[in-house]
Amino acid sequence: VQLQASGGGLVQAGGSLRLSCAASGMISSVNEMGWYRQAPGQQRELVAIINSGGTNYAGSVKGRFTISRDNAKNIWYLQMNSLKSDDTGVYYCYALVNIVTRGGPFQFWGQGTQVTVSS
């Protein structure tokens, strides 16, 4: 199973970006999808997750970021609006995946995509 993240870049404060993550491989089902981020010198932190129970967001992004998914394509998105300089960091997607013939769920991570917000 591989996760491929895309959509990062450089944006001015107040702007928007949309991140995408696509999962591929011998996937039976995906239990949970989400995004973490890591700022320079900081620990990785949860940004948003989506599962059968709904969505959950870090307090710092509530009302500005929206996570969504396309179950048929195993792709999920993070729409980021009203970006701030504090949102700068490397964004990692992850998923809890059930694998064909192996069960699960197993946790997988994408390679990370850089988001830089200039003030």
C-alpha atoms as a PDB file:
ATOM      1  CA  VAL A   1       0.000   0.000   0.000  1.00  0.00           C
ATOM      2  CA  GLN A   2       1.286   3.467  -0.896  1.00  0.00           C
ATOM      3  CA  LEU A   3       0.028   6.911  -0.009  1.00  0.00           C
ATOM      4  CA  GLN A   4       0.857   9.794  -2.324  1.00  0.00           C
ATOM      5  CA  ALA A   5       0.332  13.324  -1.042  1.00  0.00           C
ATOM      6  CA  SER A   6       0.235  16.399  -3.251  1.00  0.00           C
ATOM      7  CA  GLY A   7      -0.917  19.994  -3.356  1.00  0.00           C
ATOM      8  CA  GLY A   8       1.504  21.791  -1.078  1.00  0.00           C
ATOM      9  CA  GLY A   9       3.182  25.034  -1.994  1.00  0.00           C
ATOM     10  CA  LEU A  10       3.842  28.637  -1.100  1.00  0.00           C
ATOM     11  CA  VAL A  11       0.888  30.889  -0.371  1.00  0.00           C
ATOM     12  CA  GLN A  12       0.367  34.275   1.223  1.00  0.00           C
ATOM     13  CA  ALA A  13      -1.380  34.588   4.549  1.00  0.00           C
ATOM     14  CA  GLY A  14      -5.123  34.579   4.037  1.00  0.00           C
ATOM     15  CA  GLY A  15      -4.859  32.381   0.989  1.00  0.00           C
ATOM     16  CA  SER A  16      -5.994  28.830   0.333  1.00  0.00           C
ATOM     17  CA  LEU A  17      -4.515  25.476  -0.650  1.00  0.00           C
ATOM     18  CA  ARG A  18      -5.970  22.049  -1.163  1.00  0.00           C
ATOM     19  CA  LEU A  19      -3.981  18.960  -0.325  1.00  0.00           C
ATOM     20  CA  SER A  20      -4.764  15.563  -1.766  1.00  0.00           C
ATOM     21  CA  CYS A  21      -3.725  12.071  -0.725  1.00  0.00           C
ATOM     22  CA  ALA A  22      -4.270   8.994  -2.843  1.00  0.00           C
ATOM     23  CA  ALA A  23      -3.968   5.467  -1.499  1.00  0.00           C
ATOM     24  CA  SER A  24      -3.105   2.618  -3.833  1.00  0.00           C
ATOM     25  CA  GLY A  25      -2.340  -1.085  -3.555  1.00  0.00           C
ATOM     26  CA  MET A  26      -4.157  -4.145  -2.338  1.00  0.00           C
ATOM     27  CA  ILE A  27      -6.686  -2.215  -0.311  1.00  0.00           C
ATOM     28  CA  SER A  28      -9.779  -3.903   0.994  1.00  0.00           C
ATOM     29  CA  SER A  29     -11.093  -0.871   2.822  1.00  0.00           C
ATOM     30  CA  VAL A  30      -9.903   2.259   4.574  1.00  0.00           C
ATOM     31  CA  ASN A  31     -11.103   2.758   8.125  1.00  0.00           C
ATOM     32  CA  GLU A  32      -9.717   6.210   8.721  1.00  0.00           C
ATOM     33  CA  MET A  33      -7.926   8.919   6.766  1.00  0.00           C
ATOM     34  CA  GLY A  34      -6.250  11.985   8.045  1.00  0.00           C
ATOM     35  CA  TRP A  35      -3.592  14.643   8.028  1.00  0.00           C
ATOM     36  CA  TYR A  36      -0.804  15.505  10.426  1.00  0.00           C
ATOM     37  CA  ARG A  37       1.688  18.322  10.149  1.00  0.00           C
ATOM     38  CA  GLN A  38       5.132  19.062  11.504  1.00  0.00           C
ATOM     39  CA  ALA A  39       6.537  22.540  11.820  1.00  0.00           C
ATOM     40  CA  PRO A  40      10.310  23.095  12.030  1.00  0.00           C
ATOM     41  CA  GLY A  41      11.567  22.102  15.465  1.00  0.00           C
ATOM     42  CA  GLN A  42       8.130  20.882  16.523  1.00  0.00           C
ATOM     43  CA  GLN A  43       6.530  17.508  17.027  1.00  0.00           C
ATOM     44  CA  ARG A  44       4.141  16.104  14.501  1.00  0.00           C
ATOM     45  CA  GLU A  45       0.569  17.092  15.363  1.00  0.00           C
ATOM     46  CA  LEU A  46      -2.861  15.989  14.270  1.00  0.00           C
ATOM     47  CA  VAL A  47      -4.633  18.350  11.887  1.00  0.00           C
ATOM     48  CA  ALA A  48      -7.771  16.473  10.852  1.00  0.00           C
ATOM     49  CA  ILE A  49      -9.176  12.976  10.583  1.00  0.00           C
ATOM     50  CA  ILE A  50     -12.222  11.463   8.953  1.00  0.00           C
ATOM     51  CA  ASN A  51     -13.783   8.076   9.619  1.00  0.00           C
ATOM     52  CA  SER A  52     -17.191   6.472   9.854  1.00  0.00           C
ATOM     53  CA  GLY A  53     -17.891   8.520  12.959  1.00  0.00           C
ATOM     54  CA  GLY A  54     -17.338  11.814  11.238  1.00  0.00           C
ATOM     55  CA  THR A  55     -14.553  14.364  11.306  1.00  0.00           C
ATOM     56  CA  ASN A  56     -12.271  15.742  13.969  1.00  0.00           C
ATOM     57  CA  TYR A  57     -10.023  18.793  13.792  1.00  0.00           C
ATOM     58  CA  ALA A  58      -7.284  20.373  15.784  1.00  0.00           C
ATOM     59  CA  GLY A  59      -8.584  23.440  17.558  1.00  0.00           C
ATOM     60  CA  SER A  60      -6.182  25.689  15.695  1.00  0.00           C
ATOM     61  CA  VAL A  61      -7.699  24.808  12.307  1.00  0.00           C
ATOM     62  CA  LYS A  62     -11.382  24.465  13.114  1.00  0.00           C
ATOM     63  CA  GLY A  63     -13.501  26.624  10.892  1.00  0.00           C
ATOM     64  CA  ARG A  64     -10.662  27.113   8.402  1.00  0.00           C
ATOM     65  CA  PHE A  65      -9.760  23.586   7.236  1.00  0.00           C
ATOM     66  CA  THR A  66     -12.084  20.930   5.865  1.00  0.00           C
ATOM     67  CA  ILE A  67     -11.256  17.272   5.379  1.00  0.00           C
ATOM     68  CA  SER A  68     -13.223  15.252   2.855  1.00  0.00           C
ATOM     69  CA  ARG A  69     -12.855  11.974   1.019  1.00  0.00           C
ATOM     70  CA  ASP A  70     -13.807  10.065  -2.098  1.00  0.00           C
ATOM     71  CA  ASN A  71     -14.262   6.514  -0.850  1.00  0.00           C
ATOM     72  CA  ALA A  72     -14.616   5.039  -4.318  1.00  0.00           C
ATOM     73  CA  LYS A  73     -11.159   6.329  -5.296  1.00  0.00           C
ATOM     74  CA  ASN A  74      -9.453   6.105  -1.876  1.00  0.00           C
ATOM     75  CA  ILE A  75      -8.540   9.768  -2.109  1.00  0.00           C
ATOM     76  CA  TRP A  76      -8.950  12.355   0.610  1.00  0.00           C
ATOM     77  CA  TYR A  77      -8.482  16.078   0.675  1.00  0.00           C
ATOM     78  CA  LEU A  78      -7.651  18.857   3.055  1.00  0.00           C
ATOM     79  CA  GLN A  79      -9.064  22.214   2.006  1.00  0.00           C
ATOM     80  CA  MET A  80      -7.160  24.911   3.846  1.00  0.00           C
ATOM     81  CA  ASN A  81      -8.582  28.429   3.896  1.00  0.00           C
ATOM     82  CA  SER A  82      -7.554  31.600   5.681  1.00  0.00           C
ATOM     83  CA  LEU A  83      -4.040  30.266   6.012  1.00  0.00           C
ATOM     84  CA  LYS A  84      -1.748  31.711   8.655  1.00  0.00           C
ATOM     85  CA  SER A  85       2.013  31.646   9.036  1.00  0.00           C
ATOM     86  CA  ASP A  86       1.544  29.185  11.923  1.00  0.00           C
ATOM     87  CA  ASP A  87       0.157  26.696   9.412  1.00  0.00           C
ATOM     88  CA  THR A  88       3.586  26.386   7.806  1.00  0.00           C
ATOM     89  CA  GLY A  89       5.021  22.894   7.947  1.00  0.00           C
ATOM     90  CA  VAL A  90       5.249  19.540   6.262  1.00  0.00           C
ATOM     91  CA  TYR A  91       1.840  17.917   5.962  1.00  0.00           C
ATOM     92  CA  TYR A  92       1.631  14.136   6.097  1.00  0.00           C
ATOM     93  CA  CYS A  93      -1.359  12.078   5.158  1.00  0.00           C
ATOM     94  CA  TYR A  94      -2.056   8.785   6.834  1.00  0.00           C
ATOM     95  CA  ALA A  95      -4.610   6.024   6.682  1.00  0.00           C
ATOM     96  CA  LEU A  96      -5.732   2.961   8.581  1.00  0.00           C
ATOM     97  CA  VAL A  97      -6.051   0.357   5.861  1.00  0.00           C
ATOM     98  CA  ASN A  98      -7.410  -3.154   5.661  1.00  0.00           C
ATOM     99  CA  ILE A  99      -5.351  -5.134   3.169  1.00  0.00           C
ATOM    100  CA  VAL A 100      -6.697  -7.840   0.888  1.00  0.00           C
ATOM    101  CA  THR A 101      -5.865 -11.323   2.304  1.00  0.00           C
ATOM    102  CA  ARG A 102      -4.022  -9.789   5.301  1.00  0.00           C
ATOM    103  CA  GLY A 103      -6.732  -8.005   7.226  1.00  0.00           C
ATOM    104  CA  GLY A 104      -5.810  -5.073   9.379  1.00  0.00           C
ATOM    105  CA  PRO A 105      -6.124  -2.258   9.966  1.00  0.00           C
ATOM    106  CA  PHE A 106      -2.526  -1.194   9.313  1.00  0.00           C
ATOM    107  CA  GLN A 107      -1.281   2.363   9.472  1.00  0.00           C
ATOM    108  CA  PHE A 108       0.400   3.911   6.441  1.00  0.00           C
ATOM    109  CA  TRP A 109       1.935   7.335   5.887  1.00  0.00           C
ATOM    110  CA  GLY A 110       2.460   9.491   2.846  1.00  0.00           C
ATOM    111  CA  GLN A 111       5.774  11.154   2.060  1.00  0.00           C
ATOM    112  CA  GLY A 112       4.779  14.645   3.207  1.00  0.00           C
ATOM    113  CA  THR A 113       4.132  17.817   1.276  1.00  0.00           C
ATOM    114  CA  GLN A 114       5.504  21.223   2.224  1.00  0.00           C
ATOM    115  CA  VAL A 115       3.115  24.076   2.974  1.00  0.00           C
ATOM    116  CA  THR A 116       4.657  27.507   3.438  1.00  0.00           C
ATOM    117  CA  VAL A 117       2.538  30.498   4.375  1.00  0.00           C
ATOM    118  CA  SER A 118       4.214  33.878   4.027  1.00  0.00           C
ATOM    119  CA  SER A 119       3.080  36.761   6.177  1.00  0.00           C
END
